[in-house]
Amino acid sequence: MKIIVIAVLIAIVTALFAALVFLYRDAGRGKRVVWLLTVRVALSVSLIAFLLFSYWMGWIGPQGIK
């Protein structure tokens, strides 16, 4: 469970920094920045949904992972 959450967080940060690199490299003319920011938002929403589902199923609780 912890590995999944950490991996998704790393993917979110990677997408954010990649979007920053393409923002400077393309000077705002390309669509790669928008695509990467869309990926970042989708990953963030997926992570929140996964955490809520895990809490609902009882896999995680207020004190941490069981």
N, C-alpha and C. Protein backbone atom coordinates (compact mmCIF):
# COMPACT_ATOMS: atom_id res chain seq x y z
N MET A 1 0.81 -1.18 0.00
CA MET A 1 0.00 0.00 0.00
C MET A 1 0.87 1.26 0.00
N LYS A 2 1.87 1.28 0.87
CA LYS A 2 2.75 2.44 0.94
C LYS A 2 3.51 2.64 -0.36
N ILE A 3 3.92 1.54 -0.97
CA ILE A 3 4.70 1.62 -2.21
C ILE A 3 3.86 2.23 -3.32
N ILE A 4 2.58 1.86 -3.37
CA ILE A 4 1.69 2.39 -4.41
C ILE A 4 1.54 3.89 -4.24
N VAL A 5 1.30 4.33 -3.02
CA VAL A 5 1.10 5.76 -2.76
C VAL A 5 2.38 6.54 -3.07
N ILE A 6 3.51 6.03 -2.65
CA ILE A 6 4.78 6.72 -2.92
C ILE A 6 5.08 6.76 -4.41
N ALA A 7 4.81 5.67 -5.13
CA ALA A 7 5.05 5.64 -6.57
C ALA A 7 4.18 6.66 -7.31
N VAL A 8 2.93 6.78 -6.90
CA VAL A 8 2.03 7.74 -7.55
C VAL A 8 2.46 9.17 -7.21
N LEU A 9 2.88 9.42 -5.99
CA LEU A 9 3.37 10.75 -5.63
C LEU A 9 4.62 11.12 -6.43
N ILE A 10 5.50 10.17 -6.63
CA ILE A 10 6.69 10.43 -7.45
C ILE A 10 6.29 10.71 -8.89
N ALA A 11 5.31 9.98 -9.41
CA ALA A 11 4.83 10.21 -10.77
C ALA A 11 4.19 11.59 -10.90
N ILE A 12 3.48 12.04 -9.88
CA ILE A 12 2.86 13.37 -9.91
C ILE A 12 3.93 14.45 -9.95
N VAL A 13 4.94 14.33 -9.10
CA VAL A 13 6.01 15.33 -9.07
C VAL A 13 6.82 15.31 -10.38
N THR A 14 7.04 14.11 -10.92
CA THR A 14 7.76 14.00 -12.19
C THR A 14 6.99 14.67 -13.32
N ALA A 15 5.69 14.47 -13.37
CA ALA A 15 4.87 15.11 -14.41
C ALA A 15 4.89 16.62 -14.25
N LEU A 16 4.89 17.09 -13.02
CA LEU A 16 4.92 18.53 -12.78
C LEU A 16 6.23 19.14 -13.25
N PHE A 17 7.35 18.52 -12.92
CA PHE A 17 8.64 19.06 -13.35
C PHE A 17 8.86 18.90 -14.86
N ALA A 18 8.34 17.83 -15.44
CA ALA A 18 8.43 17.68 -16.90
C ALA A 18 7.63 18.77 -17.59
N ALA A 19 6.48 19.11 -17.05
CA ALA A 19 5.69 20.20 -17.62
C ALA A 19 6.45 21.52 -17.53
N LEU A 20 7.15 21.73 -16.43
CA LEU A 20 7.95 22.95 -16.27
C LEU A 20 9.06 23.00 -17.32
N VAL A 21 9.72 21.88 -17.54
CA VAL A 21 10.79 21.83 -18.55
C VAL A 21 10.24 22.12 -19.94
N PHE A 22 9.11 21.52 -20.28
CA PHE A 22 8.53 21.76 -21.61
C PHE A 22 7.98 23.17 -21.73
N LEU A 23 7.57 23.78 -20.62
CA LEU A 23 7.10 25.17 -20.66
C LEU A 23 8.24 26.09 -21.09
N TYR A 24 9.43 25.87 -20.53
CA TYR A 24 10.58 26.69 -20.92
C TYR A 24 11.12 26.32 -22.28
N ARG A 25 11.11 25.03 -22.61
CA ARG A 25 11.69 24.58 -23.87
C ARG A 25 10.82 24.98 -25.07
N ASP A 26 9.49 24.84 -24.94
CA ASP A 26 8.58 25.14 -26.05
C ASP A 26 8.13 26.60 -26.06
N ALA A 27 8.42 27.33 -25.01
CA ALA A 27 8.03 28.75 -24.89
C ALA A 27 6.52 28.93 -25.01
N GLY A 28 5.75 27.97 -24.52
CA GLY A 28 4.31 28.09 -24.50
C GLY A 28 3.62 27.80 -25.81
N ARG A 29 4.32 27.31 -26.81
CA ARG A 29 3.72 27.05 -28.11
C ARG A 29 3.26 25.61 -28.29
N GLY A 30 3.76 24.70 -27.50
CA GLY A 30 3.43 23.29 -27.66
C GLY A 30 2.26 22.88 -26.77
N LYS A 31 1.77 21.68 -27.03
CA LYS A 31 0.67 21.14 -26.24
C LYS A 31 1.16 20.14 -25.19
N ARG A 32 2.47 19.95 -25.11
CA ARG A 32 3.00 18.98 -24.15
C ARG A 32 2.79 19.42 -22.72
N VAL A 33 2.83 20.72 -22.47
CA VAL A 33 2.64 21.22 -21.11
C VAL A 33 1.22 20.93 -20.64
N VAL A 34 0.26 21.21 -21.50
CA VAL A 34 -1.14 20.96 -21.14
C VAL A 34 -1.38 19.47 -20.93
N TRP A 35 -0.79 18.65 -21.78
CA TRP A 35 -0.97 17.20 -21.65
C TRP A 35 -0.38 16.69 -20.34
N LEU A 36 0.82 17.15 -20.00
CA LEU A 36 1.45 16.71 -18.76
C LEU A 36 0.73 17.21 -17.52
N LEU A 37 0.20 18.41 -17.57
CA LEU A 37 -0.56 18.90 -16.43
C LEU A 37 -1.88 18.15 -16.30
N THR A 38 -2.46 17.74 -17.42
CA THR A 38 -3.66 16.90 -17.38
C THR A 38 -3.34 15.55 -16.77
N VAL A 39 -2.20 14.98 -17.10
CA VAL A 39 -1.77 13.72 -16.51
C VAL A 39 -1.58 13.89 -15.01
N ARG A 40 -1.00 15.00 -14.59
CA ARG A 40 -0.77 15.25 -13.17
C ARG A 40 -2.09 15.34 -12.40
N VAL A 41 -3.05 16.04 -12.97
CA VAL A 41 -4.35 16.16 -12.31
C VAL A 41 -5.04 14.80 -12.25
N ALA A 42 -4.96 14.03 -13.34
CA ALA A 42 -5.58 12.70 -13.36
C ALA A 42 -4.94 11.78 -12.31
N LEU A 43 -3.62 11.84 -12.18
CA LEU A 43 -2.94 11.04 -11.17
C LEU A 43 -3.34 11.47 -9.76
N SER A 44 -3.48 12.76 -9.55
CA SER A 44 -3.87 13.25 -8.22
C SER A 44 -5.28 12.80 -7.86
N VAL A 45 -6.20 12.92 -8.81
CA VAL A 45 -7.57 12.49 -8.56
C VAL A 45 -7.62 10.99 -8.34
N SER A 46 -6.85 10.23 -9.12
CA SER A 46 -6.81 8.78 -8.95
C SER A 46 -6.26 8.39 -7.58
N LEU A 47 -5.24 9.09 -7.12
CA LEU A 47 -4.66 8.80 -5.81
C LEU A 47 -5.67 9.07 -4.69
N ILE A 48 -6.37 10.19 -4.78
CA ILE A 48 -7.37 10.51 -3.76
C ILE A 48 -8.49 9.48 -3.79
N ALA A 49 -8.94 9.09 -4.99
CA ALA A 49 -10.00 8.08 -5.09
C ALA A 49 -9.52 6.74 -4.54
N PHE A 50 -8.28 6.38 -4.81
CA PHE A 50 -7.74 5.13 -4.29
C PHE A 50 -7.66 5.15 -2.76
N LEU A 51 -7.23 6.26 -2.20
CA LEU A 51 -7.15 6.37 -0.74
C LEU A 51 -8.53 6.32 -0.10
N LEU A 52 -9.50 6.98 -0.70
CA LEU A 52 -10.86 6.92 -0.17
C LEU A 52 -11.43 5.50 -0.27
N PHE A 53 -11.19 4.84 -1.39
CA PHE A 53 -11.65 3.46 -1.56
C PHE A 53 -10.97 2.53 -0.55
N SER A 54 -9.69 2.73 -0.32
CA SER A 54 -8.96 1.91 0.65
C SER A 54 -9.49 2.12 2.06
N TYR A 55 -9.83 3.35 2.38
CA TYR A 55 -10.40 3.62 3.70
C TYR A 55 -11.77 2.97 3.83
N TRP A 56 -12.58 3.06 2.78
CA TRP A 56 -13.91 2.47 2.78
C TRP A 56 -13.86 0.95 2.91
N MET A 57 -12.87 0.33 2.26
CA MET A 57 -12.72 -1.13 2.34
C MET A 57 -12.08 -1.58 3.66
N GLY A 58 -11.52 -0.66 4.41
CA GLY A 58 -10.90 -1.00 5.68
C GLY A 58 -9.44 -1.36 5.57
N TRP A 59 -8.83 -1.13 4.43
CA TRP A 59 -7.42 -1.43 4.25
C TRP A 59 -6.54 -0.46 5.01
N ILE A 60 -6.99 0.78 5.13
CA ILE A 60 -6.27 1.78 5.90
C ILE A 60 -7.24 2.37 6.91
N GLY A 61 -6.71 2.90 7.96
CA GLY A 61 -7.53 3.50 8.99
C GLY A 61 -6.93 4.79 9.47
N PRO A 62 -7.57 5.41 10.46
CA PRO A 62 -7.03 6.67 10.98
C PRO A 62 -5.63 6.56 11.57
N GLN A 63 -5.24 5.37 12.06
CA GLN A 63 -3.91 5.20 12.64
C GLN A 63 -2.88 4.75 11.62
N GLY A 64 -3.26 4.51 10.40
CA GLY A 64 -2.30 4.10 9.38
C GLY A 64 -2.71 2.82 8.72
N ILE A 65 -1.78 2.20 8.05
CA ILE A 65 -2.04 0.98 7.29
C ILE A 65 -2.09 -0.21 8.23
N LYS A 66 -3.10 -1.06 8.03
CA LYS A 66 -3.25 -2.25 8.88
C LYS A 66 -2.37 -3.37 8.42
